Protein backbone atom coordinates (compact mmCIF):
# COMPACT_ATOMS: atom_id res chain seq x y z
CA MET A 1 34.94 -8.86 2.87
CA ALA A 2 32.46 -6.00 2.41
CA ALA A 3 29.89 -6.31 -0.35
CA GLU A 4 30.90 -4.55 -3.57
CA LEU A 5 28.95 -1.34 -4.23
CA ASN A 6 27.18 -1.00 -7.57
CA ALA A 7 26.63 2.38 -9.23
CA ALA A 8 23.25 3.62 -8.04
CA VAL A 9 21.19 6.81 -8.19
CA GLU A 10 18.21 7.73 -6.06
CA ARG A 11 15.53 10.37 -5.68
CA ARG A 12 12.91 11.31 -3.08
CA PHE A 13 9.75 13.27 -3.87
CA ARG A 14 6.05 13.49 -3.04
CA ALA A 15 3.65 11.38 -5.08
CA MET A 16 0.21 9.85 -4.56
CA GLY A 17 -0.14 11.72 -1.27
CA SER A 18 2.93 9.95 0.14
CA ASP A 19 6.72 10.08 0.26
CA ALA A 20 8.23 8.36 -2.77
CA HIS A 21 11.75 6.95 -2.97
CA LEU A 22 13.41 5.56 -6.08
CA ILE A 23 16.74 3.73 -6.24
CA ILE A 24 18.07 2.61 -9.62
CA VAL A 25 21.20 0.53 -10.17
CA GLY A 26 22.85 0.86 -13.59
CA GLY A 27 21.09 1.74 -16.82
CA PRO A 28 20.71 5.01 -18.74
CA ASP A 29 20.94 8.33 -16.88
CA HIS A 30 17.36 9.33 -17.76
CA LEU A 31 15.68 6.48 -15.88
CA LEU A 32 15.07 8.46 -12.68
CA ASP A 33 13.32 11.23 -14.63
CA ASP A 34 11.33 8.67 -16.62
CA ALA A 35 10.21 6.84 -13.48
CA GLU A 36 9.14 10.02 -11.71
CA ARG A 37 7.16 11.16 -14.76
CA ARG A 38 5.51 7.74 -15.00
CA ILE A 39 4.43 7.83 -11.35
CA ASP A 40 3.03 11.33 -11.90
CA GLN A 41 1.13 10.08 -14.96
CA LEU A 42 -0.40 7.20 -13.01
CA GLU A 43 -1.39 9.54 -10.18
CA ARG A 44 -3.10 11.87 -12.64
CA ARG A 45 -5.07 8.91 -14.00
CA TRP A 46 -5.91 7.30 -10.67
CA SER A 47 -6.29 9.97 -7.98
CA ARG A 48 -9.80 10.63 -6.70
CA PHE A 49 -8.58 14.09 -5.72
CA ILE A 50 -7.77 15.16 -9.32
CA GLU A 51 -11.01 16.07 -11.09
CA THR A 52 -9.63 15.20 -14.53
CA SER A 53 -8.48 11.70 -13.51
CA GLU A 54 -9.96 8.59 -15.07
CA ILE A 55 -11.10 7.42 -11.61
CA CYS A 56 -13.10 10.63 -11.15
CA GLU A 57 -14.55 10.12 -14.63
CA LEU A 58 -15.61 6.58 -13.68
CA ASN A 59 -17.22 7.86 -10.48
CA ARG A 60 -19.08 10.66 -12.29
CA HIS A 61 -20.48 8.15 -14.79
CA ALA A 62 -21.19 5.17 -12.54
CA GLY A 63 -23.71 2.98 -14.34
CA ASP A 64 -22.25 3.74 -17.78
CA ASP A 65 -19.43 2.19 -19.79
CA VAL A 66 -16.36 4.44 -19.68
CA GLU A 67 -13.29 4.07 -21.91
CA VAL A 68 -10.08 4.25 -19.89
CA SER A 69 -6.36 3.62 -20.38
CA ALA A 70 -4.92 0.14 -20.21
CA GLU A 71 -3.36 0.97 -16.85
CA THR A 72 -6.68 2.05 -15.33
CA ALA A 73 -8.46 -1.03 -16.66
CA LEU A 74 -5.69 -3.10 -15.05
CA LEU A 75 -6.10 -1.21 -11.75
CA VAL A 76 -9.83 -1.95 -11.65
CA ALA A 77 -9.26 -5.60 -12.59
CA ARG A 78 -6.63 -5.96 -9.85
CA ALA A 79 -8.99 -4.34 -7.35
CA ILE A 80 -11.70 -6.89 -8.18
CA GLU A 81 -9.12 -9.67 -7.85
CA ALA A 82 -8.04 -8.22 -4.48
CA TRP A 83 -11.65 -8.21 -3.28
CA ARG A 84 -11.89 -11.92 -4.10
CA LEU A 85 -8.43 -12.71 -2.68
CA THR A 86 -9.29 -11.12 0.67
CA GLY A 87 -12.84 -12.43 0.93
CA GLY A 88 -14.11 -8.85 0.86
CA GLY A 89 -11.52 -7.58 3.35
CA PHE A 90 -10.48 -5.16 0.62
CA ASP A 91 -13.31 -3.44 -1.26
CA PRO A 92 -12.56 -0.66 -3.77
CA THR A 93 -16.17 0.56 -3.61
CA VAL A 94 -16.05 1.81 0.00
CA LEU A 95 -15.69 5.39 -1.26
CA GLY A 96 -19.00 6.37 0.35
CA ASP A 97 -17.81 5.07 3.73
CA VAL A 98 -14.49 6.88 3.30
CA LEU A 99 -16.30 10.16 2.58
CA ARG A 100 -18.69 9.68 5.50
CA ALA A 101 -15.65 9.17 7.74
CA GLY A 102 -14.44 12.61 6.62
CA TYR A 103 -11.66 11.68 4.19
CA ASP A 104 -12.91 13.94 1.39
CA VAL A 105 -9.73 15.84 0.48
CA SER A 106 -6.11 14.84 0.02
CA PHE A 107 -4.52 14.10 3.38
CA ASP A 108 -1.79 16.64 2.55
CA VAL A 109 -4.39 19.42 3.03
CA MET A 110 -6.84 17.77 5.45
CA PRO A 111 -7.49 19.70 8.69
CA ASP A 112 -7.06 17.88 11.99
CA ASP A 113 -10.68 18.52 12.99
CA LYS A 114 -13.66 18.07 10.69
CA THR A 115 -17.46 18.08 10.82
CA THR A 116 -19.72 15.36 9.43
CA ALA A 117 -19.52 14.81 5.70
CA GLY A 118 -22.35 13.02 3.89
CA SER A 119 -22.44 10.61 0.97
CA ASN A 120 -25.14 8.43 -0.53
CA LEU A 121 -22.71 6.09 -2.29
CA LEU A 122 -23.14 2.35 -1.78
CA THR A 123 -20.75 -0.59 -2.12
CA GLY A 124 -20.96 -2.99 -5.05
CA CYS A 125 -17.69 -4.59 -6.10
CA THR A 126 -19.48 -7.73 -7.30
CA ASP A 127 -21.07 -5.86 -10.20
CA ILE A 128 -18.07 -3.96 -11.61
CA GLU A 129 -17.51 -4.84 -15.27
CA VAL A 130 -14.19 -4.61 -17.12
CA THR A 131 -14.13 -5.37 -20.86
CA GLY A 132 -10.92 -4.46 -22.63
CA HIS A 133 -10.44 -0.75 -21.93
CA SER A 134 -14.07 -0.26 -20.93
CA VAL A 135 -15.11 -0.13 -17.26
CA ARG A 136 -18.60 0.14 -15.81
CA LEU A 137 -19.18 0.80 -12.14
CA PRO A 138 -22.59 -0.09 -10.75
CA ALA A 139 -24.88 2.94 -10.52
CA GLY A 140 -24.77 4.53 -7.08
CA THR A 141 -21.26 3.29 -6.25
CA GLY A 142 -17.86 4.96 -6.18
CA PHE A 143 -14.37 3.58 -6.74
CA ASP A 144 -11.47 4.46 -4.41
CA PRO A 145 -8.10 2.96 -5.44
CA GLY A 146 -6.63 3.58 -1.99
CA GLY A 147 -3.38 1.78 -1.31
CA ILE A 148 -3.71 -0.72 -4.16
CA GLY A 149 -2.98 2.13 -6.56
CA LYS A 150 0.39 2.78 -4.94
CA GLY A 151 1.22 -0.92 -4.89
CA LEU A 152 0.30 -1.46 -8.53
CA ALA A 153 2.17 1.69 -9.56
CA ALA A 154 5.31 0.32 -7.88
CA ASP A 155 4.88 -2.96 -9.78
CA ILE A 156 4.36 -1.24 -13.12
CA VAL A 157 7.22 1.23 -12.75
CA ILE A 158 9.80 -1.28 -11.59
CA GLY A 159 9.02 -3.49 -14.59
CA GLU A 160 9.53 -0.54 -16.93
CA ILE A 161 12.78 0.50 -15.22
CA LEU A 162 14.29 -2.97 -15.68
CA ALA A 163 12.99 -3.23 -19.26
CA ALA A 164 14.76 0.07 -20.01
CA GLY A 165 18.14 -1.36 -19.03
CA ALA A 166 18.58 -1.01 -15.26
CA ALA A 167 20.37 -3.83 -13.43
CA GLY A 168 18.16 -3.37 -10.37
CA ALA A 169 15.66 -1.03 -8.79
CA CYS A 170 13.61 -0.20 -5.71
CA VAL A 171 10.33 1.70 -5.99
CA ASN A 172 8.82 2.80 -2.68
CA LEU A 173 5.51 4.67 -2.73
CA GLY A 174 4.48 5.50 0.80
CA GLY A 175 5.58 2.13 2.16
CA ASP A 176 4.30 0.06 -0.76
CA LEU A 177 7.67 -1.15 -1.97
CA ARG A 178 8.87 -3.36 -4.81
CA VAL A 179 12.46 -4.45 -5.45
CA ALA A 180 14.08 -6.46 -8.24
CA GLY A 181 17.51 -7.13 -9.68
CA GLU A 182 20.84 -6.03 -8.22
CA SER A 183 20.96 -3.91 -5.07
CA PRO A 184 23.56 -1.16 -4.56
CA GLN A 185 25.42 -3.57 -2.25
CA GLY A 186 25.35 -6.37 -4.78
CA ASP A 187 23.34 -8.76 -2.61
CA VAL A 188 19.88 -8.45 -1.07
CA TRP A 189 17.82 -5.29 -0.74
CA THR A 190 17.60 -4.45 2.97
CA ILE A 191 14.29 -2.91 4.03
CA ALA A 192 13.41 -1.50 7.46
CA ILE A 193 10.00 -2.22 8.99
CA GLU A 194 9.14 0.89 10.99
CA HIS A 195 6.62 1.73 13.72
CA PRO A 196 5.34 5.34 13.73
CA ALA A 197 5.94 5.73 17.49
CA ILE A 198 9.60 4.66 17.58
CA VAL A 199 12.78 5.53 15.72
CA GLU A 200 14.56 2.16 15.69
CA PRO A 201 13.27 -0.31 13.05
CA VAL A 202 11.18 -3.19 14.34
CA ALA A 203 12.98 -5.50 11.89
CA LEU A 204 15.32 -5.48 8.92
CA VAL A 205 14.13 -7.61 6.01
CA GLY A 206 16.28 -8.83 3.13
CA LEU A 207 14.71 -9.38 -0.30
CA HIS A 208 16.38 -10.46 -3.54
CA GLN A 209 13.15 -9.55 -5.30
CA GLY A 210 9.53 -9.09 -4.34
CA ALA A 211 7.45 -6.64 -2.38
CA ILE A 212 6.67 -5.46 1.10
CA ALA A 213 3.80 -3.26 2.28
CA THR A 214 2.68 -1.94 5.65
CA SER A 215 -0.80 -0.87 6.74
CA THR A 216 -1.33 0.97 9.99
CA THR A 217 -4.07 2.83 11.82
CA LEU A 218 -1.49 5.10 13.47
CA ARG A 219 -1.08 7.41 10.47
CA ARG A 220 -3.64 9.40 8.44
CA ARG A 221 -5.74 10.22 11.48
CA TRP A 222 -8.14 13.10 12.14
CA ASN A 223 -11.12 14.02 14.33
CA LEU A 224 -14.68 13.99 12.99
CA ASP A 225 -17.20 15.75 15.23
CA GLY A 226 -14.78 15.24 18.11
CA GLN A 227 -14.26 11.52 17.49
CA ALA A 228 -10.95 10.02 16.30
CA ARG A 229 -11.00 8.59 12.79
CA HIS A 230 -8.46 6.96 10.46
CA HIS A 231 -8.35 5.91 6.82
CA LEU A 232 -8.57 2.10 7.12
CA ILE A 233 -12.25 1.35 6.54
CA ASP A 234 -13.57 -2.08 7.45
CA PRO A 235 -15.91 -3.09 4.58
CA ALA A 236 -17.86 -5.30 7.00
CA THR A 237 -18.95 -2.29 9.09
CA GLY A 238 -18.39 0.71 6.85
CA GLN A 239 -16.47 2.33 9.72
CA PRO A 240 -12.79 2.92 10.45
CA SER A 241 -11.33 -0.35 11.74
CA ASP A 242 -11.63 -1.14 15.45
CA SER A 243 -9.25 -4.11 15.17
CA ASP A 244 -6.82 -4.59 18.06
CA LEU A 245 -4.03 -4.66 15.46
CA GLU A 246 -2.40 -1.30 14.78
CA LEU A 247 0.16 -2.34 12.17
CA CYS A 248 0.67 -5.15 9.69
CA THR A 249 3.55 -5.70 7.27
CA VAL A 250 3.24 -8.28 4.49
CA ILE A 251 5.95 -9.73 2.23
CA ALA A 252 4.68 -11.00 -1.14
CA GLY A 253 5.75 -11.30 -4.76
CA GLU A 254 3.98 -8.15 -5.97
CA ALA A 255 3.31 -4.85 -4.21
CA TRP A 256 -0.41 -4.69 -4.98
CA ILE A 257 -0.88 -8.10 -3.34
CA ALA A 258 1.25 -7.13 -0.33
CA GLU A 259 -0.79 -3.95 0.08
CA VAL A 260 -4.26 -5.50 0.06
CA LEU A 261 -3.22 -8.44 2.25
CA ALA A 262 -1.61 -6.11 4.80
CA LYS A 263 -4.91 -4.31 5.16
CA ALA A 264 -6.96 -7.53 5.22
CA VAL A 265 -4.75 -9.13 7.89
CA LEU A 266 -4.93 -6.00 10.05
CA LEU A 267 -8.73 -5.86 9.83
CA ARG A 268 -9.07 -9.46 10.98
CA GLY A 269 -7.59 -8.77 14.42
CA SER A 270 -4.94 -10.69 16.32
CA LYS A 271 -6.98 -13.82 17.02
CA ARG A 272 -7.34 -14.77 13.35
CA ALA A 273 -4.91 -12.44 11.63
CA PHE A 274 -2.92 -15.00 9.67
CA ASP A 275 -5.78 -17.31 8.63
CA ILE A 276 -6.18 -15.53 5.32
CA ILE A 277 -2.56 -16.12 4.23
CA ASP A 278 -1.99 -19.65 5.57
CA GLY A 279 -0.36 -21.84 2.91
CA SER A 280 0.03 -18.98 0.41
CA GLY A 281 3.76 -18.41 0.87
CA VAL A 282 3.03 -14.84 1.95
CA GLN A 283 4.63 -13.79 5.25
CA ALA A 284 3.45 -11.18 7.73
CA LEU A 285 4.29 -9.31 10.91
CA THR A 286 1.67 -7.68 13.14
CA ILE A 287 1.77 -5.32 16.13
CA ASP A 288 -1.29 -4.96 18.35
CA SER A 289 -2.50 -2.09 20.54
CA VAL A 290 -0.43 -3.21 23.54
CA GLY A 291 2.73 -3.57 21.47
CA THR A 292 2.89 -7.35 21.02
CA ILE A 293 4.77 -8.39 17.88
CA ARG A 294 3.73 -11.59 16.09
CA ILE A 295 5.06 -13.14 12.89
CA THR A 296 4.11 -15.97 10.56
CA PRO A 297 6.27 -19.12 10.77
CA GLY A 298 8.29 -18.33 7.64
CA PHE A 299 8.91 -14.65 8.31
CA GLN A 300 12.42 -15.12 9.73
CA GLN A 301 13.72 -16.51 6.44
CA PHE A 302 13.80 -12.83 5.42
CA THR A 303 15.62 -11.65 8.55
CA GLY A 304 18.61 -13.96 8.24
CA ALA A 305 17.14 -16.02 11.08
CA VAL A 306 17.80 -13.09 13.44
CA PRO A 307 15.35 -13.36 16.36
CA LEU A 308 12.83 -10.52 16.41
CA PRO A 309 11.64 -8.65 19.49
CA THR A 310 8.28 -9.83 20.81
CA ASP A 311 7.21 -6.38 21.99
CA ILE A 312 7.87 -2.82 20.80
CA ASP A 313 9.14 -1.97 24.30
CA GLN A 314 12.11 -4.19 23.49
CA VAL A 315 12.68 -2.11 20.36
CA ARG A 316 12.51 1.05 22.48
CA GLY A 317 15.14 -0.55 24.73
CA ILE A 318 17.44 -0.91 21.71
CA GLU A 319 16.82 2.78 20.95
CA THR A 320 17.73 3.79 24.49
CA ARG A 321 20.96 1.79 24.47
CA SER A 322 22.01 3.16 21.12
């Protein structure tokens, strides 16, 4: 018998420099509008590309105490926690390295070819201070929310949607995705893990609740002085990652955790990719530069025990047959 369909509404739009997708099951009619406005509000507080944002205010006044909203204080606190969780694999103070790599404008308007951009900003996550609604960045540093902002926004918004009366919801901000409650089909939320170079999904994952996030070096790419660059900065080198992994997807309880761990796993490379999540209950899938697909031992509990391809060429084969 087919699963019963629940009343659901959805909307797609651009937010936080990415494609956003909302699905809401049940609840008042205004929830889609409320959720989109809330995401816009968080972007206006957190974007480093909006001069009036609280993040830009923090960066302009690094070294001083700055009063911010509760949400921004939470973002900074989560970023510090992420730095500790990943052993420095995620560092929100790599803004100087990001600027030196040429990522100095929103990717929506970034040209394909750029010339060298300078920055004197240093890293210094260890010395960020958060007290109530007051945040102080170390002098000479800059804060870049990066992907953790999208992940945390998904976590915040889905909680507010359910609190406002929805039976279930999915909030997807550029691949940082959080689901909870009833799905439109009445069972699990089915999420496709996609590779930028192929149409067919690498895997279909089923979640009753939780989060999934993907980091990849195959998107957000440009040339700087004739050399290829991408947005995933390795804090250990200050340069775009040279890991042999090109894509990592992580399944976790919250989207901000899935986001930072996806990046940290990717940066570690295939030989020690999963060390950082061993024993945590977090599951991951990686794809390296030659197309090899690897998964953690518990990953297939989310695929209905369906065997996964071991190489993206096998996925391409499925595409060809279909």
